[in-house]
Protein backbone atom coordinates (compact mmCIF):
# COMPACT_ATOMS: atom_id res chain seq x y z
CA MET A 1 23.49 -6.40 -118.95
CA ASN A 2 27.14 -6.32 -117.90
CA ASN A 3 28.36 -6.56 -121.51
CA ALA A 4 30.11 -9.90 -120.97
CA PRO A 5 30.10 -12.66 -123.58
CA LEU A 6 27.81 -15.64 -123.25
CA MET A 7 29.50 -18.34 -121.12
CA PRO A 8 32.55 -16.21 -120.15
CA MET A 9 34.66 -19.04 -118.68
CA ALA A 10 34.21 -21.28 -121.76
CA THR A 11 34.89 -18.28 -124.00
CA ALA A 12 38.07 -17.54 -122.05
CA VAL A 13 39.18 -21.17 -122.45
CA TRP A 14 38.71 -20.91 -126.23
CA LEU A 15 40.52 -17.55 -126.46
CA VAL A 16 43.49 -18.85 -124.42
CA GLU A 17 43.76 -21.98 -126.58
CA ASN A 18 43.17 -20.41 -130.01
CA THR A 19 44.49 -16.84 -129.99
CA SER A 20 47.63 -14.91 -129.10
CA LEU A 21 45.74 -12.32 -127.02
CA THR A 22 47.22 -11.20 -123.70
CA PHE A 23 45.74 -12.44 -120.44
CA SER A 24 44.57 -8.92 -119.58
CA GLN A 25 42.75 -8.58 -122.93
CA ILE A 26 40.96 -11.89 -122.40
CA ALA A 27 40.20 -11.03 -118.75
CA ASP A 28 38.72 -7.65 -119.72
CA PHE A 29 36.62 -9.15 -122.51
CA CYS A 30 35.28 -12.07 -120.44
CA LYS A 31 34.86 -9.99 -117.25
CA LEU A 32 37.11 -12.38 -115.32
CA HIS A 33 40.20 -11.76 -113.21
CA GLU A 34 43.58 -11.94 -114.95
CA VAL A 35 44.71 -14.59 -112.43
CA GLU A 36 41.80 -16.82 -113.56
CA ILE A 37 43.00 -16.50 -117.16
CA GLN A 38 46.54 -17.41 -116.03
CA GLY A 39 45.04 -20.43 -114.25
CA ILE A 40 43.21 -21.46 -117.43
CA ALA A 41 46.47 -21.25 -119.38
CA ASP A 42 48.25 -23.33 -116.71
CA GLY A 43 45.45 -25.91 -116.71
CA GLU A 44 44.57 -25.31 -113.05
CA VAL A 45 41.25 -23.50 -113.64
CA ALA A 46 38.29 -24.52 -115.80
CA LYS A 47 39.26 -28.19 -116.00
CA GLY A 48 36.73 -30.03 -118.12
CA ILE A 49 35.18 -26.87 -119.56
CA VAL A 50 34.90 -27.10 -123.32
CA GLY A 51 35.98 -23.92 -125.13
CA TYR A 52 33.15 -21.82 -126.60
CA ASN A 53 34.03 -20.13 -129.90
CA PRO A 54 32.88 -16.46 -129.71
CA ILE A 55 33.45 -16.00 -133.46
CA ILE A 56 30.99 -18.72 -134.43
CA ALA A 57 28.61 -17.43 -131.74
CA GLY A 58 28.70 -13.98 -133.36
CA GLN A 59 30.18 -12.23 -130.33
CA LEU A 60 33.51 -11.42 -132.00
CA THR A 61 34.85 -11.15 -135.53
CA LYS A 62 38.12 -12.61 -136.81
CA GLU A 63 39.21 -9.07 -137.70
CA GLU A 64 38.56 -7.91 -134.11
CA VAL A 65 40.71 -10.76 -132.73
CA GLU A 66 43.51 -10.05 -135.24
CA LEU A 67 43.53 -6.31 -134.47
CA SER A 68 43.74 -6.97 -130.73
CA SER A 69 46.36 -9.70 -131.22
CA ASN A 70 48.58 -7.20 -133.02
CA ASP A 71 48.12 -4.47 -130.38
CA PRO A 72 48.33 -5.77 -126.76
CA LEU A 73 46.84 -2.52 -125.43
CA ARG A 74 43.71 -2.68 -127.63
CA PRO A 75 40.68 -4.19 -125.84
CA LEU A 76 38.37 -6.68 -127.53
CA ILE A 77 34.94 -5.24 -128.28
CA LEU A 78 31.88 -7.44 -127.87
CA LYS A 79 29.70 -7.54 -130.97
CA VAL A 80 26.14 -6.94 -129.79
CA ASN A 81 23.20 -8.22 -131.79
CA ASP A 82 19.97 -6.52 -130.73
CA ILE A 83 17.69 -8.88 -132.60
CA GLU A 84 14.46 -9.92 -130.95
CA ILE A 85 13.56 -13.45 -131.90
CA GLU A 86 9.92 -14.36 -131.62
CA SER A 87 8.20 -17.46 -132.78
CA GLU A 88 4.46 -17.91 -132.97
CA GLU A 89 4.58 -21.64 -133.55
CA LYS A 90 3.70 -23.94 -130.67
CA LYS A 91 6.61 -25.90 -129.35
CA SER A 92 6.23 -29.62 -129.86
CA LYS A 93 7.94 -32.37 -127.92
CA LYS A 94 11.25 -33.17 -129.52
CA TYR A 95 12.46 -36.76 -129.65
CA ILE A 96 15.71 -37.22 -127.72
CA PRO A 97 17.81 -40.23 -128.82
CA LEU A 98 18.78 -42.76 -126.15
CA SER A 99 22.42 -41.72 -126.40
CA LYS A 100 21.51 -38.12 -125.50
CA ARG A 101 19.08 -38.84 -122.64
CA GLN A 102 21.84 -38.77 -120.01
CA ASP A 103 22.39 -35.16 -121.04
CA LYS A 104 19.13 -34.13 -119.35
CA PRO A 105 20.23 -34.81 -115.74
CA ASP A 106 23.68 -33.39 -116.60
CA SER A 107 21.96 -30.23 -117.86
CA ALA A 108 19.77 -30.04 -114.76
CA LEU A 109 22.91 -30.17 -112.61
CA TRP A 110 24.46 -27.34 -114.69
CA LEU A 111 21.33 -25.20 -114.22
CA ILE A 112 21.28 -25.86 -110.47
CA LYS A 113 24.95 -24.84 -110.16
CA GLN A 114 24.83 -21.83 -112.49
CA HIS A 115 21.33 -20.50 -111.68
CA PRO A 116 20.31 -21.57 -108.15
CA SER A 117 17.41 -19.09 -108.22
CA LEU A 118 15.50 -21.33 -110.65
CA LYS A 119 12.83 -23.50 -109.04
CA ASP A 120 12.97 -27.25 -109.53
CA SER A 121 9.74 -27.08 -111.55
CA GLN A 122 11.33 -24.51 -113.91
CA ILE A 123 14.42 -26.69 -114.36
CA ALA A 124 12.23 -29.74 -114.99
CA LYS A 125 10.21 -27.87 -117.61
CA LEU A 126 13.28 -26.46 -119.37
CA VAL A 127 15.30 -29.68 -119.47
CA GLY A 128 12.44 -32.14 -119.89
CA ILE A 129 12.74 -34.21 -116.72
CA THR A 130 10.40 -34.67 -113.75
CA LYS A 131 10.29 -32.21 -110.87
CA ASN A 132 11.20 -35.06 -108.50
CA SER A 133 14.36 -35.75 -110.52
CA ALA A 134 15.33 -32.06 -110.40
CA THR A 135 14.76 -32.00 -106.63
CA ALA A 136 16.81 -35.18 -106.18
CA ILE A 137 19.68 -33.70 -108.20
CA ARG A 138 19.55 -30.49 -106.13
CA ASN A 139 19.59 -32.55 -102.89
CA LYS A 140 22.33 -34.82 -104.25
CA SER A 141 20.10 -37.86 -103.71
CA TYR A 142 19.67 -38.64 -107.42
CA TRP A 143 20.35 -42.33 -108.06
CA ASN A 144 23.23 -41.58 -110.48
CA PHE A 145 24.46 -38.32 -108.92
CA ASN A 146 28.13 -39.37 -108.69
CA ASN A 147 28.26 -39.92 -112.46
CA LEU A 148 26.69 -36.57 -113.44
CA ASN A 149 28.81 -34.00 -115.26
CA ALA A 150 27.39 -30.47 -115.46
CA LYS A 151 26.81 -29.61 -119.13
CA ASP A 152 25.40 -26.42 -120.64
CA PRO A 153 21.93 -27.31 -122.00
CA VAL A 154 21.87 -24.38 -124.44
CA ALA A 155 25.11 -25.52 -126.05
CA MET A 156 23.69 -29.05 -126.25
CA GLY A 157 20.49 -27.84 -127.90
CA LEU A 158 17.97 -28.90 -125.24
CA PHE A 159 16.45 -25.40 -125.30
CA THR A 160 17.30 -21.89 -126.50
CA GLN A 161 19.07 -19.03 -124.75
CA LYS A 162 15.79 -17.10 -124.94
CA ASP A 163 14.00 -19.88 -123.00
CA LEU A 164 16.70 -19.66 -120.30
CA ALA A 165 16.50 -15.85 -120.17
CA ASP A 166 12.70 -16.02 -119.80
CA ALA A 167 12.97 -18.55 -116.96
CA LEU A 168 15.61 -16.45 -115.17
CA GLU A 169 13.47 -13.32 -115.55
CA LYS A 170 10.51 -15.19 -114.05
CA ALA A 171 12.70 -16.36 -111.14
CA VAL A 172 13.87 -12.80 -110.45
CA ARG A 173 10.24 -11.57 -110.38
CA ARG A 174 9.28 -14.43 -108.00
CA ILE A 175 12.17 -13.65 -105.63
CA SER A 176 11.27 -9.96 -105.67
CA ARG A 177 7.64 -10.78 -104.82
CA GLU A 178 8.72 -13.07 -101.98
CA ARG A 179 11.01 -10.37 -100.53
CA LYS A 180 8.23 -7.77 -100.64
CA LYS A 181 5.84 -10.20 -98.95
CA GLU A 182 8.43 -11.00 -96.27
CA GLU A 183 9.16 -7.29 -95.66
CA LYS A 184 5.44 -6.64 -95.36
CA LEU A 185 5.09 -9.41 -92.75
CA ASN A 186 8.14 -8.17 -90.82
CA SER A 187 6.88 -4.59 -90.72
CA LYS A 188 3.64 -5.63 -88.93
C-alpha cells in the first residue's frame, strides 16, 4: 500500500477547509501534488467533492493535526490500523428507502470512474443493480445518465471498504490471468 489516506482528494478538501496546515503538508499526507492542493483552496479543483474527515475515520488524531499546524516543517503521519475484520454471518438483503435508490446508479458511476478494472457484474453485485444497468452506465447509454453524480458508495453505506478491496483484488487477479493467457497465445 502506498500509505495514502482513504479517499485522498476528499481528505485534502477537508484538511484545506478545516485546518491551518500548509499546502505541502497536506500534499505530502494525501500523496497529491502541491498545485492540486492550491487548486482545492482556490476552488478550481475538486468541485463538488465533499470533504472526508480523517480524524473521524481514524486516519489522523487531533493532536497530530495540532502538532503539524504549529510546525510547518513537520509532516502528518497516517495512523494505521492493522485490524482484520471478519464476519461469519451471511449477508442479507438490506432495504434501501426510495429516497436513497438513486444513490445506486450514482455509486456505480463512481466505481466505473475510480476503478475501471472492475467488471460490470462486480459493480452490479457490489452496488445492488443489474448488470445491464452497470453496462449502460459504463457506455453512457443509461436512461438517466445526464443526471448522475458520482458518489462514493462506501461513504454512503451501500457496502464496506473490505467488500471493495476484495472486489479490486479479484479484478487484479483476473487481469493478471488474462495477460498470462494472452502472452501464452502470442508466444506460439
